[in-house]
Amino acid sequence: MSRASQASPSHPPVCGTVTGEVSGVFLSVGRTGEHSIPAIEPSDRVHRQWSAGDDQRIAAGYRLEAEAFVGRRRLGPGRLVLDAACGSGTATLPAARTGAVVTGIDLVAGAVEAASALAGRESLPVAFDQGSAERLPYRDGAFDVVLSLFGVMFAARPDLVLAELARVTRPGSLVALASWMPAGFVADLLAIRSRAAPPPFDLPDPLRWGDRSVVGEWFEDDVWQMTAQVRRLRIRYPYAPAGVVELFRAAHGPTVRAFESLGEDRRADLAGELAAHWARHRDPTAAGTEVETEYLEVVAVRR
């Protein structure tokens, strides 16, 4: 931890200090907002769900689409970029490879540490923070671009996320979000899991972020100029459908928690139903399991 309390001058100004460095990549935790307002603690409910997993293993299935999503932003040197709810850096690292000045933030410390390690292997100077997209520890208007790839859609309080997106951007800044849609392969997958093991607490439906009419209301016309487009992607795993289910049981946080809540017989039933869903939709010509699905890409320019 050789750079304790030393902020990187190449990254956007933030409130507080950097507390450490992992493999040459800045890692900061617990910074407070402007005017000494105490930082809001991450949602315990969301944190408990996602801290059970290993995002890097799951995100590997759509890494190619992450690169395409970032590529459409046409980033480059000097652009100040935030990856909100960055997970293990699936979009953060491609953004940093463009030469942009990139910061990633995520609720789960393990995901932040994994992202930091991956960036360190490539000597990418990415700043990573552990924290919530509901209370970003950055100054007003700090970023030119905010990205989130299947990230902020899982926040406990969408209204706070939207307020923060507006606060940390400025006129001309761009927000690009990728969110799973209310219908399709992923929506059906989530429904299977929820029917078998309903979450033990009340959280908003994350699929609202993939509903064009809903996000059209959220990104208010007097603040944002928003467009939305349905994108296709291919999820790829080098396993048979039953092996994909085992991967999710071990590495996808909400799925880990769902199986933990069930007795052994019900676990077997859920595993079988999930494997059948992957099998029904897989490309029979592909090695392993490959599934075509859709997501909503929202691009909003700050007025």
C-alpha atoms as a PDB file:
ATOM      1  CA  MET A   1       0.000   0.000   0.000  1.00  0.00           C
ATOM      2  CA  SER A   2       2.637   2.468  -1.088  1.00  0.00           C
ATOM      3  CA  ARG A   3       0.396   5.372  -2.061  1.00  0.00           C
ATOM      4  CA  ALA A   4      -1.761   5.646   1.050  1.00  0.00           C
ATOM      5  CA  SER A   5      -3.587   8.969   1.255  1.00  0.00           C
ATOM      6  CA  GLN A   6      -2.284  10.076  -2.153  1.00  0.00           C
ATOM      7  CA  ALA A   7      -4.818  10.712  -4.954  1.00  0.00           C
ATOM      8  CA  SER A   8      -3.856  10.184  -8.573  1.00  0.00           C
ATOM      9  CA  PRO A   9      -3.584  13.601 -10.295  1.00  0.00           C
ATOM     10  CA  SER A  10      -4.684  12.069 -13.614  1.00  0.00           C
ATOM     11  CA  HIS A  11      -8.101  11.081 -12.290  1.00  0.00           C
ATOM     12  CA  PRO A  12     -11.108  13.325 -11.683  1.00  0.00           C
ATOM     13  CA  PRO A  13     -11.160  15.186  -8.353  1.00  0.00           C
ATOM     14  CA  VAL A  14     -12.972  13.424  -5.565  1.00  0.00           C
ATOM     15  CA  CYS A  15     -13.802  14.197  -1.985  1.00  0.00           C
ATOM     16  CA  GLY A  16     -11.543  12.393   0.452  1.00  0.00           C
ATOM     17  CA  THR A  17      -8.319  10.457   0.045  1.00  0.00           C
ATOM     18  CA  VAL A  18      -7.102   7.293  -1.580  1.00  0.00           C
ATOM     19  CA  THR A  19      -6.355   4.650   1.008  1.00  0.00           C
ATOM     20  CA  GLY A  20      -4.369   2.101  -0.932  1.00  0.00           C
ATOM     21  CA  GLU A  21      -3.022   0.600  -4.123  1.00  0.00           C
ATOM     22  CA  VAL A  22      -3.388  -2.924  -5.489  1.00  0.00           C
ATOM     23  CA  SER A  23      -0.904  -4.087  -8.125  1.00  0.00           C
ATOM     24  CA  GLY A  24      -0.241  -0.499  -9.195  1.00  0.00           C
ATOM     25  CA  VAL A  25      -3.947   0.278  -9.466  1.00  0.00           C
ATOM     26  CA  PHE A  26      -5.488   2.744  -7.052  1.00  0.00           C
ATOM     27  CA  LEU A  27      -8.061   1.254  -4.663  1.00  0.00           C
ATOM     28  CA  SER A  28      -9.930   3.577  -2.331  1.00  0.00           C
ATOM     29  CA  VAL A  29     -12.576   2.779   0.236  1.00  0.00           C
ATOM     30  CA  GLY A  30     -14.865   4.803   2.450  1.00  0.00           C
ATOM     31  CA  ARG A  31     -14.485   8.306   1.048  1.00  0.00           C
ATOM     32  CA  THR A  32     -17.024  10.906   2.073  1.00  0.00           C
ATOM     33  CA  GLY A  33     -18.996  13.371  -0.012  1.00  0.00           C
ATOM     34  CA  GLU A  34     -18.641  17.117  -0.308  1.00  0.00           C
ATOM     35  CA  HIS A  35     -19.203  19.375   2.707  1.00  0.00           C
ATOM     36  CA  SER A  36     -18.363  16.448   5.037  1.00  0.00           C
ATOM     37  CA  ILE A  37     -21.730  14.745   4.492  1.00  0.00           C
ATOM     38  CA  PRO A  38     -21.362  11.195   5.844  1.00  0.00           C
ATOM     39  CA  ALA A  39     -21.281   8.498   3.168  1.00  0.00           C
ATOM     40  CA  ILE A  40     -24.425   6.394   2.981  1.00  0.00           C
ATOM     41  CA  GLU A  41     -23.733   2.745   3.779  1.00  0.00           C
ATOM     42  CA  PRO A  42     -24.280   0.371   0.805  1.00  0.00           C
ATOM     43  CA  SER A  43     -27.639  -1.388   0.851  1.00  0.00           C
ATOM     44  CA  ASP A  44     -27.176  -4.438   3.045  1.00  0.00           C
ATOM     45  CA  ARG A  45     -29.797  -6.337   1.093  1.00  0.00           C
ATOM     46  CA  VAL A  46     -28.190  -5.830  -2.315  1.00  0.00           C
ATOM     47  CA  HIS A  47     -24.715  -6.297  -0.894  1.00  0.00           C
ATOM     48  CA  ARG A  48     -25.648  -9.636   0.666  1.00  0.00           C
ATOM     49  CA  GLN A  49     -26.945 -10.898  -2.677  1.00  0.00           C
ATOM     50  CA  TRP A  50     -23.936  -9.966  -4.775  1.00  0.00           C
ATOM     51  CA  SER A  51     -21.138 -10.507  -2.265  1.00  0.00           C
ATOM     52  CA  ALA A  52     -21.817 -14.267  -2.405  1.00  0.00           C
ATOM     53  CA  GLY A  53     -20.557 -14.540  -5.975  1.00  0.00           C
ATOM     54  CA  ASP A  54     -17.553 -14.132  -8.239  1.00  0.00           C
ATOM     55  CA  ASP A  55     -18.535 -11.627 -10.929  1.00  0.00           C
ATOM     56  CA  GLN A  56     -15.445 -12.295 -13.017  1.00  0.00           C
ATOM     57  CA  ARG A  57     -16.536 -15.871 -13.788  1.00  0.00           C
ATOM     58  CA  ILE A  58     -20.087 -14.883 -14.740  1.00  0.00           C
ATOM     59  CA  ALA A  59     -19.132 -11.798 -16.765  1.00  0.00           C
ATOM     60  CA  ALA A  60     -16.757 -13.907 -18.860  1.00  0.00           C
ATOM     61  CA  GLY A  61     -19.850 -15.138 -20.671  1.00  0.00           C
ATOM     62  CA  TYR A  62     -20.555 -11.745 -22.250  1.00  0.00           C
ATOM     63  CA  ARG A  63     -17.100 -10.170 -22.341  1.00  0.00           C
ATOM     64  CA  LEU A  64     -17.204  -9.683 -26.127  1.00  0.00           C
ATOM     65  CA  GLU A  65     -20.402  -7.669 -25.861  1.00  0.00           C
ATOM     66  CA  ALA A  66     -18.863  -5.579 -23.083  1.00  0.00           C
ATOM     67  CA  GLU A  67     -16.083  -4.598 -25.469  1.00  0.00           C
ATOM     68  CA  ALA A  68     -18.617  -3.705 -28.179  1.00  0.00           C
ATOM     69  CA  PHE A  69     -20.691  -1.678 -25.698  1.00  0.00           C
ATOM     70  CA  VAL A  70     -17.628   0.336 -24.691  1.00  0.00           C
ATOM     71  CA  GLY A  71     -16.439   0.640 -28.308  1.00  0.00           C
ATOM     72  CA  ARG A  72     -19.646   2.404 -29.318  1.00  0.00           C
ATOM     73  CA  ARG A  73     -18.800   5.195 -26.872  1.00  0.00           C
ATOM     74  CA  ARG A  74     -15.726   6.195 -28.927  1.00  0.00           C
ATOM     75  CA  LEU A  75     -13.632   6.956 -25.884  1.00  0.00           C
ATOM     76  CA  GLY A  76     -10.084   8.206 -26.046  1.00  0.00           C
ATOM     77  CA  PRO A  77      -7.262   9.914 -24.152  1.00  0.00           C
ATOM     78  CA  GLY A  78      -8.365  12.575 -21.708  1.00  0.00           C
ATOM     79  CA  ARG A  79     -11.998  11.511 -21.437  1.00  0.00           C
ATOM     80  CA  LEU A  80     -13.084  11.254 -17.790  1.00  0.00           C
ATOM     81  CA  VAL A  81     -15.074   8.029 -17.462  1.00  0.00           C
ATOM     82  CA  LEU A  82     -16.916   6.394 -14.574  1.00  0.00           C
ATOM     83  CA  ASP A  83     -18.012   2.753 -14.650  1.00  0.00           C
ATOM     84  CA  ALA A  84     -20.815   2.624 -12.060  1.00  0.00           C
ATOM     85  CA  ALA A  85     -21.485  -0.754 -10.421  1.00  0.00           C
ATOM     86  CA  CYS A  86     -18.440  -1.978 -12.320  1.00  0.00           C
ATOM     87  CA  GLY A  87     -18.258  -5.499 -10.907  1.00  0.00           C
ATOM     88  CA  SER A  88     -14.949  -7.108 -11.810  1.00  0.00           C
ATOM     89  CA  GLY A  89     -14.227  -4.493 -14.481  1.00  0.00           C
ATOM     90  CA  THR A  90     -15.857  -6.082 -17.520  1.00  0.00           C
ATOM     91  CA  ALA A  91     -16.506  -2.658 -19.068  1.00  0.00           C
ATOM     92  CA  THR A  92     -13.940  -0.718 -17.021  1.00  0.00           C
ATOM     93  CA  LEU A  93     -10.893  -2.345 -18.556  1.00  0.00           C
ATOM     94  CA  PRO A  94     -11.932  -1.926 -22.208  1.00  0.00           C
ATOM     95  CA  ALA A  95     -12.623   1.731 -21.429  1.00  0.00           C
ATOM     96  CA  ALA A  96      -9.170   2.145 -19.890  1.00  0.00           C
ATOM     97  CA  ARG A  97      -7.492   0.529 -22.901  1.00  0.00           C
ATOM     98  CA  THR A  98      -8.678   3.490 -25.002  1.00  0.00           C
ATOM     99  CA  GLY A  99      -6.478   5.835 -22.995  1.00  0.00           C
ATOM    100  CA  ALA A 100      -9.434   7.409 -21.189  1.00  0.00           C
ATOM    101  CA  VAL A 101      -9.069   8.360 -17.536  1.00  0.00           C
ATOM    102  CA  VAL A 102     -11.268   5.716 -15.931  1.00  0.00           C
ATOM    103  CA  THR A 103     -12.719   5.183 -12.471  1.00  0.00           C
ATOM    104  CA  GLY A 104     -14.738   2.141 -11.406  1.00  0.00           C
ATOM    105  CA  ILE A 105     -16.958   1.819  -8.358  1.00  0.00           C
ATOM    106  CA  ASP A 106     -18.825  -1.190  -7.010  1.00  0.00           C
ATOM    107  CA  LEU A 107     -20.682  -2.181  -3.859  1.00  0.00           C
ATOM    108  CA  VAL A 108     -18.776  -5.432  -3.362  1.00  0.00           C
ATOM    109  CA  ALA A 109     -15.193  -5.268  -2.118  1.00  0.00           C
ATOM    110  CA  GLY A 110     -14.276  -8.615  -3.679  1.00  0.00           C
ATOM    111  CA  ALA A 111     -15.373  -7.431  -7.117  1.00  0.00           C
ATOM    112  CA  VAL A 112     -13.373  -4.218  -6.747  1.00  0.00           C
ATOM    113  CA  GLU A 113     -10.294  -6.161  -5.693  1.00  0.00           C
ATOM    114  CA  ALA A 114     -10.665  -8.541  -8.646  1.00  0.00           C
ATOM    115  CA  ALA A 115     -11.042  -5.622 -11.057  1.00  0.00           C
ATOM    116  CA  SER A 116      -7.983  -3.947  -9.552  1.00  0.00           C
ATOM    117  CA  ALA A 117      -5.917  -7.099  -9.964  1.00  0.00           C
ATOM    118  CA  LEU A 118      -6.991  -7.503 -13.597  1.00  0.00           C
ATOM    119  CA  ALA A 119      -6.165  -3.891 -14.384  1.00  0.00           C
ATOM    120  CA  GLY A 120      -2.823  -4.267 -12.643  1.00  0.00           C
ATOM    121  CA  ARG A 121      -1.872  -7.184 -14.877  1.00  0.00           C
ATOM    122  CA  GLU A 122      -2.258  -4.888 -17.877  1.00  0.00           C
ATOM    123  CA  SER A 123      -0.689  -1.875 -16.129  1.00  0.00           C
ATOM    124  CA  LEU A 124      -3.893   0.089 -16.703  1.00  0.00           C
ATOM    125  CA  PRO A 125      -4.041   3.133 -14.368  1.00  0.00           C
ATOM    126  CA  VAL A 126      -7.663   2.677 -13.292  1.00  0.00           C
ATOM    127  CA  ALA A 127      -8.914   4.133 -10.001  1.00  0.00           C
ATOM    128  CA  PHE A 128     -11.287   1.758  -8.188  1.00  0.00           C
ATOM    129  CA  ASP A 129     -13.574   2.548  -5.260  1.00  0.00           C
ATOM    130  CA  GLN A 130     -15.843   0.453  -3.113  1.00  0.00           C
ATOM    131  CA  GLY A 131     -19.140   2.259  -2.754  1.00  0.00           C
ATOM    132  CA  SER A 132     -22.721   2.663  -3.862  1.00  0.00           C
ATOM    133  CA  ALA A 133     -24.101   4.102  -7.092  1.00  0.00           C
ATOM    134  CA  GLU A 134     -26.784   5.596  -4.853  1.00  0.00           C
ATOM    135  CA  ARG A 135     -24.213   7.918  -3.276  1.00  0.00           C
ATOM    136  CA  LEU A 136     -21.193   8.409  -5.521  1.00  0.00           C
ATOM    137  CA  PRO A 137     -18.126   9.867  -3.741  1.00  0.00           C
ATOM    138  CA  TYR A 138     -17.280  12.279  -6.569  1.00  0.00           C
ATOM    139  CA  ARG A 139     -17.718  15.986  -7.135  1.00  0.00           C
ATOM    140  CA  ASP A 140     -20.498  17.518  -9.171  1.00  0.00           C
ATOM    141  CA  GLY A 141     -19.818  17.343 -12.906  1.00  0.00           C
ATOM    142  CA  ALA A 142     -16.747  15.146 -12.473  1.00  0.00           C
ATOM    143  CA  PHE A 143     -17.244  12.918 -15.541  1.00  0.00           C
ATOM    144  CA  ASP A 144     -17.605  13.171 -19.301  1.00  0.00           C
ATOM    145  CA  VAL A 145     -19.027   9.649 -19.584  1.00  0.00           C
ATOM    146  CA  VAL A 146     -20.741   7.285 -17.141  1.00  0.00           C
ATOM    147  CA  LEU A 147     -21.092   3.614 -18.104  1.00  0.00           C
ATOM    148  CA  SER A 148     -22.931   0.758 -16.457  1.00  0.00           C
ATOM    149  CA  LEU A 149     -23.093  -2.737 -17.932  1.00  0.00           C
ATOM    150  CA  PHE A 150     -25.811  -4.747 -16.150  1.00  0.00           C
ATOM    151  CA  GLY A 151     -24.822  -2.895 -12.991  1.00  0.00           C
ATOM    152  CA  VAL A 152     -26.917   0.005 -11.683  1.00  0.00           C
ATOM    153  CA  MET A 153     -30.064  -1.862 -12.709  1.00  0.00           C
ATOM    154  CA  PHE A 154     -29.663  -3.907  -9.507  1.00  0.00           C
ATOM    155  CA  ALA A 155     -29.472  -0.924  -7.139  1.00  0.00           C
ATOM    156  CA  ALA A 156     -31.971  -0.835  -4.284  1.00  0.00           C
ATOM    157  CA  ARG A 157     -33.109   2.757  -4.970  1.00  0.00           C
ATOM    158  CA  PRO A 158     -33.245   3.733  -8.654  1.00  0.00           C
ATOM    159  CA  ASP A 159     -34.318   7.291  -7.833  1.00  0.00           C
ATOM    160  CA  LEU A 160     -31.073   7.908  -5.961  1.00  0.00           C
ATOM    161  CA  VAL A 161     -29.020   6.411  -8.777  1.00  0.00           C
ATOM    162  CA  LEU A 162     -30.678   8.698 -11.333  1.00  0.00           C
ATOM    163  CA  ALA A 163     -30.070  11.731  -9.141  1.00  0.00           C
ATOM    164  CA  GLU A 164     -26.406  10.781  -8.832  1.00  0.00           C
ATOM    165  CA  LEU A 165     -26.018  10.264 -12.579  1.00  0.00           C
ATOM    166  CA  ALA A 166     -27.296  13.807 -13.080  1.00  0.00           C
ATOM    167  CA  ARG A 167     -25.068  15.206 -10.341  1.00  0.00           C
ATOM    168  CA  VAL A 168     -21.720  13.753 -11.457  1.00  0.00           C
ATOM    169  CA  THR A 169     -22.248  14.713 -15.110  1.00  0.00           C
ATOM    170  CA  ARG A 170     -22.458  18.131 -16.765  1.00  0.00           C
ATOM    171  CA  PRO A 171     -23.990  19.542 -19.963  1.00  0.00           C
ATOM    172  CA  GLY A 172     -22.773  17.445 -22.858  1.00  0.00           C
ATOM    173  CA  SER A 173     -21.787  14.472 -20.682  1.00  0.00           C
ATOM    174  CA  LEU A 174     -23.045  11.060 -21.731  1.00  0.00           C
ATOM    175  CA  VAL A 175     -24.555   8.189 -19.737  1.00  0.00           C
ATOM    176  CA  ALA A 176     -24.691   4.725 -21.358  1.00  0.00           C
ATOM    177  CA  LEU A 177     -26.493   1.872 -19.613  1.00  0.00           C
ATOM    178  CA  ALA A 178     -26.968  -1.775 -20.584  1.00  0.00           C
ATOM    179  CA  SER A 179     -29.880  -3.488 -18.822  1.00  0.00           C
ATOM    180  CA  TRP A 180     -31.662  -6.801 -19.182  1.00  0.00           C
ATOM    181  CA  MET A 181     -35.190  -6.482 -20.565  1.00  0.00           C
ATOM    182  CA  PRO A 182     -38.514  -7.512 -18.936  1.00  0.00           C
ATOM    183  CA  ALA A 183     -39.047 -10.285 -21.488  1.00  0.00           C
ATOM    184  CA  GLY A 184     -36.653 -12.796 -22.995  1.00  0.00           C
ATOM    185  CA  PHE A 185     -34.107 -15.390 -21.962  1.00  0.00           C
ATOM    186  CA  VAL A 186     -32.639 -13.569 -18.950  1.00  0.00           C
ATOM    187  CA  ALA A 187     -36.038 -12.417 -17.649  1.00  0.00           C
ATOM    188  CA  ASP A 188     -37.292 -16.015 -17.806  1.00  0.00           C
ATOM    189  CA  LEU A 189     -34.138 -17.213 -16.057  1.00  0.00           C
ATOM    190  CA  LEU A 190     -34.697 -14.756 -13.207  1.00  0.00           C
ATOM    191  CA  ALA A 191     -38.354 -15.757 -12.988  1.00  0.00           C
ATOM    192  CA  ILE A 192     -37.479 -19.451 -12.638  1.00  0.00           C
ATOM    193  CA  ARG A 193     -35.144 -18.670  -9.773  1.00  0.00           C
ATOM    194  CA  SER A 194     -37.583 -16.309  -8.053  1.00  0.00           C
ATOM    195  CA  ARG A 195     -40.480 -18.775  -8.218  1.00  0.00           C
ATOM    196  CA  ALA A 196     -38.391 -21.463  -6.560  1.00  0.00           C
ATOM    197  CA  ALA A 197     -36.687 -19.189  -4.017  1.00  0.00           C
ATOM    198  CA  PRO A 198     -38.325 -15.772  -3.608  1.00  0.00           C
ATOM    199  CA  PRO A 199     -35.863 -13.190  -2.280  1.00  0.00           C
ATOM    200  CA  PRO A 200     -36.188 -12.797   1.494  1.00  0.00           C
ATOM    201  CA  PHE A 201     -36.671  -9.045   1.184  1.00  0.00           C
ATOM    202  CA  ASP A 202     -38.430  -6.533  -1.007  1.00  0.00           C
ATOM    203  CA  LEU A 203     -36.289  -5.000  -3.737  1.00  0.00           C
ATOM    204  CA  PRO A 204     -37.471  -3.157  -6.855  1.00  0.00           C
ATOM    205  CA  ASP A 205     -37.698  -5.109 -10.090  1.00  0.00           C
ATOM    206  CA  PRO A 206     -34.315  -4.602 -11.819  1.00  0.00           C
ATOM    207  CA  LEU A 207     -35.886  -5.329 -15.207  1.00  0.00           C
ATOM    208  CA  ARG A 208     -37.615  -1.940 -15.140  1.00  0.00           C
ATOM    209  CA  TRP A 209     -34.257  -0.532 -16.284  1.00  0.00           C
ATOM    210  CA  GLY A 210     -34.724  -2.543 -19.477  1.00  0.00           C
ATOM    211  CA  ASP A 211     -38.232  -1.186 -20.138  1.00  0.00           C
ATOM    212  CA  ARG A 212     -37.989   1.623 -22.676  1.00  0.00           C
ATOM    213  CA  SER A 213     -41.168   3.351 -21.449  1.00  0.00           C
ATOM    214  CA  VAL A 214     -40.048   3.322 -17.812  1.00  0.00           C
ATOM    215  CA  VAL A 215     -36.540   4.680 -18.390  1.00  0.00           C
ATOM    216  CA  GLY A 216     -38.013   7.227 -20.791  1.00  0.00           C
ATOM    217  CA  GLU A 217     -39.872   8.667 -17.810  1.00  0.00           C
ATOM    218  CA  TRP A 218     -36.910   8.350 -15.476  1.00  0.00           C
ATOM    219  CA  PHE A 219     -34.560  10.315 -17.763  1.00  0.00           C
ATOM    220  CA  GLU A 220     -36.606  13.512 -17.731  1.00  0.00           C
ATOM    221  CA  ASP A 221     -36.620  15.569 -20.920  1.00  0.00           C
ATOM    222  CA  ASP A 222     -35.552  18.771 -19.202  1.00  0.00           C
ATOM    223  CA  VAL A 223     -32.388  17.070 -17.887  1.00  0.00           C
ATOM    224  CA  TRP A 224     -31.508  14.471 -20.536  1.00  0.00           C
ATOM    225  CA  GLN A 225     -31.726  13.822 -24.247  1.00  0.00           C
ATOM    226  CA  MET A 226     -32.264  10.054 -24.217  1.00  0.00           C
ATOM    227  CA  THR A 227     -32.323   7.372 -26.878  1.00  0.00           C
ATOM    228  CA  ALA A 228     -32.778   3.631 -26.407  1.00  0.00           C
ATOM    229  CA  GLN A 229     -31.990   0.692 -28.633  1.00  0.00           C
ATOM    230  CA  VAL A 230     -32.465  -3.050 -28.284  1.00  0.00           C
ATOM    231  CA  ARG A 231     -29.158  -4.864 -28.709  1.00  0.00           C
ATOM    232  CA  ARG A 232     -28.517  -8.552 -29.208  1.00  0.00           C
ATOM    233  CA  LEU A 233     -25.712 -10.431 -27.549  1.00  0.00           C
ATOM    234  CA  ARG A 234     -24.501 -13.986 -27.274  1.00  0.00           C
ATOM    235  CA  ILE A 235     -23.786 -15.423 -23.845  1.00  0.00           C
ATOM    236  CA  ARG A 236     -21.041 -18.055 -24.073  1.00  0.00           C
ATOM    237  CA  TYR A 237     -19.869 -20.612 -21.516  1.00  0.00           C
ATOM    238  CA  PRO A 238     -17.618 -23.624 -22.234  1.00  0.00           C
ATOM    239  CA  TYR A 239     -19.902 -26.048 -20.396  1.00  0.00           C
ATOM    240  CA  ALA A 240     -22.996 -28.137 -21.025  1.00  0.00           C
ATOM    241  CA  PRO A 241     -26.215 -26.572 -19.636  1.00  0.00           C
ATOM    242  CA  ALA A 242     -25.917 -28.479 -16.351  1.00  0.00           C
ATOM    243  CA  GLY A 243     -22.348 -27.169 -16.026  1.00  0.00           C
ATOM    244  CA  VAL A 244     -23.550 -23.601 -16.574  1.00  0.00           C
ATOM    245  CA  VAL A 245     -26.014 -24.063 -13.714  1.00  0.00           C
ATOM    246  CA  GLU A 246     -23.183 -25.302 -11.494  1.00  0.00           C
ATOM    247  CA  LEU A 247     -21.176 -22.222 -12.471  1.00  0.00           C
ATOM    248  CA  PHE A 248     -24.050 -19.957 -11.437  1.00  0.00           C
ATOM    249  CA  ARG A 249     -24.576 -21.909  -8.205  1.00  0.00           C
ATOM    250  CA  ALA A 250     -20.940 -21.225  -7.336  1.00  0.00           C
ATOM    251  CA  ALA A 251     -20.359 -17.718  -8.727  1.00  0.00           C
ATOM    252  CA  HIS A 252     -23.583 -15.762  -9.368  1.00  0.00           C
ATOM    253  CA  GLY A 253     -24.414 -14.067  -6.068  1.00  0.00           C
ATOM    254  CA  PRO A 254     -28.246 -14.086  -6.211  1.00  0.00           C
ATOM    255  CA  THR A 255     -28.239 -17.677  -7.463  1.00  0.00           C
ATOM    256  CA  VAL A 256     -25.881 -18.719  -4.664  1.00  0.00           C
ATOM    257  CA  ARG A 257     -28.260 -17.180  -2.123  1.00  0.00           C
ATOM    258  CA  ALA A 258     -31.320 -18.753  -3.771  1.00  0.00           C
ATOM    259  CA  PHE A 259     -29.864 -22.257  -3.499  1.00  0.00           C
ATOM    260  CA  GLU A 260     -28.747 -21.603   0.081  1.00  0.00           C
ATOM    261  CA  SER A 261     -32.370 -20.887   1.021  1.00  0.00           C
ATOM    262  CA  LEU A 262     -33.663 -24.257  -0.249  1.00  0.00           C
ATOM    263  CA  GLY A 263     -33.656 -27.796   1.064  1.00  0.00           C
ATOM    264  CA  GLU A 264     -31.736 -30.455  -0.849  1.00  0.00           C
ATOM    265  CA  ASP A 265     -34.737 -31.766  -2.821  1.00  0.00           C
ATOM    266  CA  ARG A 266     -35.810 -28.301  -3.916  1.00  0.00           C
ATOM    267  CA  ARG A 267     -32.226 -27.477  -4.888  1.00  0.00           C
ATOM    268  CA  ALA A 268     -32.201 -30.441  -7.244  1.00  0.00           C
ATOM    269  CA  ASP A 269     -35.522 -29.358  -8.749  1.00  0.00           C
ATOM    270  CA  LEU A 270     -34.324 -25.797  -9.305  1.00  0.00           C
ATOM    271  CA  ALA A 271     -31.028 -26.965 -10.832  1.00  0.00           C
ATOM    272  CA  GLY A 272     -32.935 -29.186 -13.236  1.00  0.00           C
ATOM    273  CA  GLU A 273     -35.331 -26.434 -14.261  1.00  0.00           C
ATOM    274  CA  LEU A 274     -32.507 -23.959 -14.845  1.00  0.00           C
ATOM    275  CA  ALA A 275     -30.492 -26.499 -16.866  1.00  0.00           C
ATOM    276  CA  ALA A 276     -33.553 -27.222 -19.002  1.00  0.00           C
ATOM    277  CA  HIS A 277     -33.973 -23.490 -19.680  1.00  0.00           C
ATOM    278  CA  TRP A 278     -30.360 -23.158 -20.852  1.00  0.00           C
ATOM    279  CA  ALA A 279     -30.737 -26.323 -22.942  1.00  0.00           C
ATOM    280  CA  ARG A 280     -33.916 -25.093 -24.673  1.00  0.00           C
ATOM    281  CA  HIS A 281     -32.240 -21.890 -25.799  1.00  0.00           C
ATOM    282  CA  ARG A 282     -28.686 -23.001 -26.544  1.00  0.00           C
ATOM    283  CA  ASP A 283     -27.257 -23.008 -30.047  1.00  0.00           C
ATOM    284  CA  PRO A 284     -27.035 -26.725 -30.912  1.00  0.00           C
ATOM    285  CA  THR A 285     -24.123 -26.101 -33.285  1.00  0.00           C
ATOM    286  CA  ALA A 286     -21.920 -24.457 -30.657  1.00  0.00           C
ATOM    287  CA  ALA A 287     -19.428 -26.103 -28.357  1.00  0.00           C
ATOM    288  CA  GLY A 288     -20.433 -25.608 -24.748  1.00  0.00           C
ATOM    289  CA  THR A 289     -23.522 -23.472 -24.192  1.00  0.00           C
ATOM    290  CA  GLU A 290     -24.227 -20.357 -26.262  1.00  0.00           C
ATOM    291  CA  VAL A 291     -27.498 -18.428 -26.028  1.00  0.00           C
ATOM    292  CA  GLU A 292     -28.721 -15.418 -28.001  1.00  0.00           C
ATOM    293  CA  THR A 293     -30.601 -12.804 -26.000  1.00  0.00           C
ATOM    294  CA  GLU A 294     -31.340  -9.073 -25.921  1.00  0.00           C
ATOM    295  CA  TYR A 295     -30.749  -6.087 -23.697  1.00  0.00           C
ATOM    296  CA  LEU A 296     -31.722  -2.416 -23.773  1.00  0.00           C
ATOM    297  CA  GLU A 297     -28.956   0.098 -24.391  1.00  0.00           C
ATOM    298  CA  VAL A 298     -29.870   3.540 -23.077  1.00  0.00           C
ATOM    299  CA  VAL A 299     -27.755   6.526 -24.100  1.00  0.00           C
ATOM    300  CA  ALA A 300     -28.591   9.812 -22.420  1.00  0.00           C
ATOM    301  CA  VAL A 301     -26.819  13.140 -23.032  1.00  0.00           C
ATOM    302  CA  ARG A 302     -26.940  15.692 -20.212  1.00  0.00           C
ATOM    303  CA  ARG A 303     -28.601  18.930 -21.252  1.00  0.00           C
END
